[in-house]
Amino acid sequence: MEEKKHYVYILKCSNGSLYTGWTTDLQARIKAHNQGVGAKYTRSHRPVELVYYETFKSRSDALKREAQIKKLRRTEKLILLQK
């Protein structure tokens, strides 16, 4: 049986801000954000564009990484996007 993948992602919003989240279906989640049924923040900052993601084997690892990224300053996130 194939293990479910968990993704941590960063979106660039229409106002230039960065939004970080996690999901098990990356394409569906981005579509949801752009349809206005994603996170409350992205509803008013559409359209969004996927600019970065990482893949994990467990939900726990993905949530830990999401928390790490959310604690970064914007400049640190921009450096991460360049990798």
C-alpha atoms as a PDB file:
ATOM      1  CA  MET A   1       0.000   0.000   0.000  1.00  0.00           C
ATOM      2  CA  GLU A   2       1.341   3.415  -0.989  1.00  0.00           C
ATOM      3  CA  GLU A   3       1.838   5.864   1.858  1.00  0.00           C
ATOM      4  CA  LYS A   4      -0.067   9.136   1.725  1.00  0.00           C
ATOM      5  CA  LYS A   5       2.157  12.135   1.086  1.00  0.00           C
ATOM      6  CA  HIS A   6       1.902  15.289   3.146  1.00  0.00           C
ATOM      7  CA  TYR A   7       2.950  18.641   1.719  1.00  0.00           C
ATOM      8  CA  VAL A   8       4.007  21.913   3.270  1.00  0.00           C
ATOM      9  CA  TYR A   9       3.650  24.738   0.794  1.00  0.00           C
ATOM     10  CA  ILE A  10       4.131  28.461   0.391  1.00  0.00           C
ATOM     11  CA  LEU A  11       1.818  30.544  -1.752  1.00  0.00           C
ATOM     12  CA  LYS A  12       2.453  34.011  -3.090  1.00  0.00           C
ATOM     13  CA  CYS A  13      -0.735  36.026  -2.760  1.00  0.00           C
ATOM     14  CA  SER A  14      -1.921  38.769  -5.120  1.00  0.00           C
ATOM     15  CA  ASN A  15      -0.706  41.457  -2.702  1.00  0.00           C
ATOM     16  CA  GLY A  16       2.804  39.918  -2.600  1.00  0.00           C
ATOM     17  CA  SER A  17       2.390  38.342   0.840  1.00  0.00           C
ATOM     18  CA  LEU A  18       3.398  34.747   1.527  1.00  0.00           C
ATOM     19  CA  TYR A  19       1.027  32.156   2.984  1.00  0.00           C
ATOM     20  CA  THR A  20       2.226  28.824   4.413  1.00  0.00           C
ATOM     21  CA  GLY A  21       0.043  25.747   4.848  1.00  0.00           C
ATOM     22  CA  TRP A  22      -0.036  21.946   4.655  1.00  0.00           C
ATOM     23  CA  THR A  23      -2.150  19.415   2.781  1.00  0.00           C
ATOM     24  CA  THR A  24      -2.297  15.862   1.452  1.00  0.00           C
ATOM     25  CA  ASP A  25      -3.479  16.976  -2.010  1.00  0.00           C
ATOM     26  CA  LEU A  26      -1.412  19.914  -3.212  1.00  0.00           C
ATOM     27  CA  GLN A  27      -3.200  20.648  -6.496  1.00  0.00           C
ATOM     28  CA  ALA A  28      -6.678  20.434  -4.949  1.00  0.00           C
ATOM     29  CA  ARG A  29      -5.623  22.720  -2.105  1.00  0.00           C
ATOM     30  CA  ILE A  30      -4.255  25.401  -4.422  1.00  0.00           C
ATOM     31  CA  LYS A  31      -7.449  25.199  -6.466  1.00  0.00           C
ATOM     32  CA  ALA A  32      -9.486  25.612  -3.267  1.00  0.00           C
ATOM     33  CA  HIS A  33      -7.459  28.681  -2.263  1.00  0.00           C
ATOM     34  CA  ASN A  34      -8.050  30.241  -5.676  1.00  0.00           C
ATOM     35  CA  GLN A  35     -11.781  29.460  -5.544  1.00  0.00           C
ATOM     36  CA  GLY A  36     -12.070  31.243  -2.206  1.00  0.00           C
ATOM     37  CA  VAL A  37     -12.776  28.138  -0.130  1.00  0.00           C
ATOM     38  CA  GLY A  38      -9.260  27.750   1.235  1.00  0.00           C
ATOM     39  CA  ALA A  39      -7.933  29.602   4.251  1.00  0.00           C
ATOM     40  CA  LYS A  40      -9.643  32.777   5.427  1.00  0.00           C
ATOM     41  CA  TYR A  41      -6.522  34.834   4.695  1.00  0.00           C
ATOM     42  CA  THR A  42      -6.192  33.761   1.068  1.00  0.00           C
ATOM     43  CA  ARG A  43      -9.885  34.419   0.296  1.00  0.00           C
ATOM     44  CA  SER A  44      -9.229  38.145   0.162  1.00  0.00           C
ATOM     45  CA  HIS A  45      -5.781  37.868  -1.440  1.00  0.00           C
ATOM     46  CA  ARG A  46      -6.541  35.886  -4.585  1.00  0.00           C
ATOM     47  CA  PRO A  47      -5.256  34.722  -6.921  1.00  0.00           C
ATOM     48  CA  VAL A  48      -2.498  32.761  -5.235  1.00  0.00           C
ATOM     49  CA  GLU A  49       0.493  31.084  -6.847  1.00  0.00           C
ATOM     50  CA  LEU A  50       2.417  28.073  -5.549  1.00  0.00           C
ATOM     51  CA  VAL A  51       6.044  29.144  -5.099  1.00  0.00           C
ATOM     52  CA  TYR A  52       7.466  26.405  -2.855  1.00  0.00           C
ATOM     53  CA  TYR A  53       6.655  23.005  -1.376  1.00  0.00           C
ATOM     54  CA  GLU A  54       8.238  20.126   0.532  1.00  0.00           C
ATOM     55  CA  THR A  55       7.013  16.514   0.792  1.00  0.00           C
ATOM     56  CA  PHE A  56       6.792  14.444   3.990  1.00  0.00           C
ATOM     57  CA  LYS A  57       5.794  10.884   4.844  1.00  0.00           C
ATOM     58  CA  SER A  58       3.876  11.795   7.990  1.00  0.00           C
ATOM     59  CA  ARG A  59       1.379  14.432   9.018  1.00  0.00           C
ATOM     60  CA  SER A  60       3.380  15.066  12.167  1.00  0.00           C
ATOM     61  CA  ASP A  61       6.557  15.890  10.234  1.00  0.00           C
ATOM     62  CA  ALA A  62       4.644  18.165   7.868  1.00  0.00           C
ATOM     63  CA  LEU A  63       3.005  20.064  10.721  1.00  0.00           C
ATOM     64  CA  LYS A  64       6.347  20.512  12.484  1.00  0.00           C
ATOM     65  CA  ARG A  65       7.899  21.903   9.307  1.00  0.00           C
ATOM     66  CA  GLU A  66       4.907  24.175   8.699  1.00  0.00           C
ATOM     67  CA  ALA A  67       5.351  25.617  12.191  1.00  0.00           C
ATOM     68  CA  GLN A  68       9.076  26.159  11.552  1.00  0.00           C
ATOM     69  CA  ILE A  69       8.418  28.009   8.307  1.00  0.00           C
ATOM     70  CA  LYS A  70       5.682  30.156   9.833  1.00  0.00           C
ATOM     71  CA  LYS A  71       8.176  31.358  12.460  1.00  0.00           C
ATOM     72  CA  LEU A  72      10.614  32.570   9.804  1.00  0.00           C
ATOM     73  CA  ARG A  73      10.873  36.237   8.896  1.00  0.00           C
ATOM     74  CA  ARG A  74       9.793  37.187   5.396  1.00  0.00           C
ATOM     75  CA  THR A  75      13.421  37.637   4.322  1.00  0.00           C
ATOM     76  CA  GLU A  76      14.227  34.130   5.548  1.00  0.00           C
ATOM     77  CA  LYS A  77      11.255  32.730   3.631  1.00  0.00           C
ATOM     78  CA  LEU A  78      12.437  34.477   0.466  1.00  0.00           C
ATOM     79  CA  ILE A  79      15.849  32.825   0.878  1.00  0.00           C
ATOM     80  CA  LEU A  80      14.105  29.455   1.272  1.00  0.00           C
ATOM     81  CA  LEU A  81      12.239  30.072  -1.995  1.00  0.00           C
ATOM     82  CA  GLN A  82      15.544  30.461  -3.834  1.00  0.00           C
ATOM     83  CA  LYS A  83      16.717  26.958  -2.925  1.00  0.00           C
END
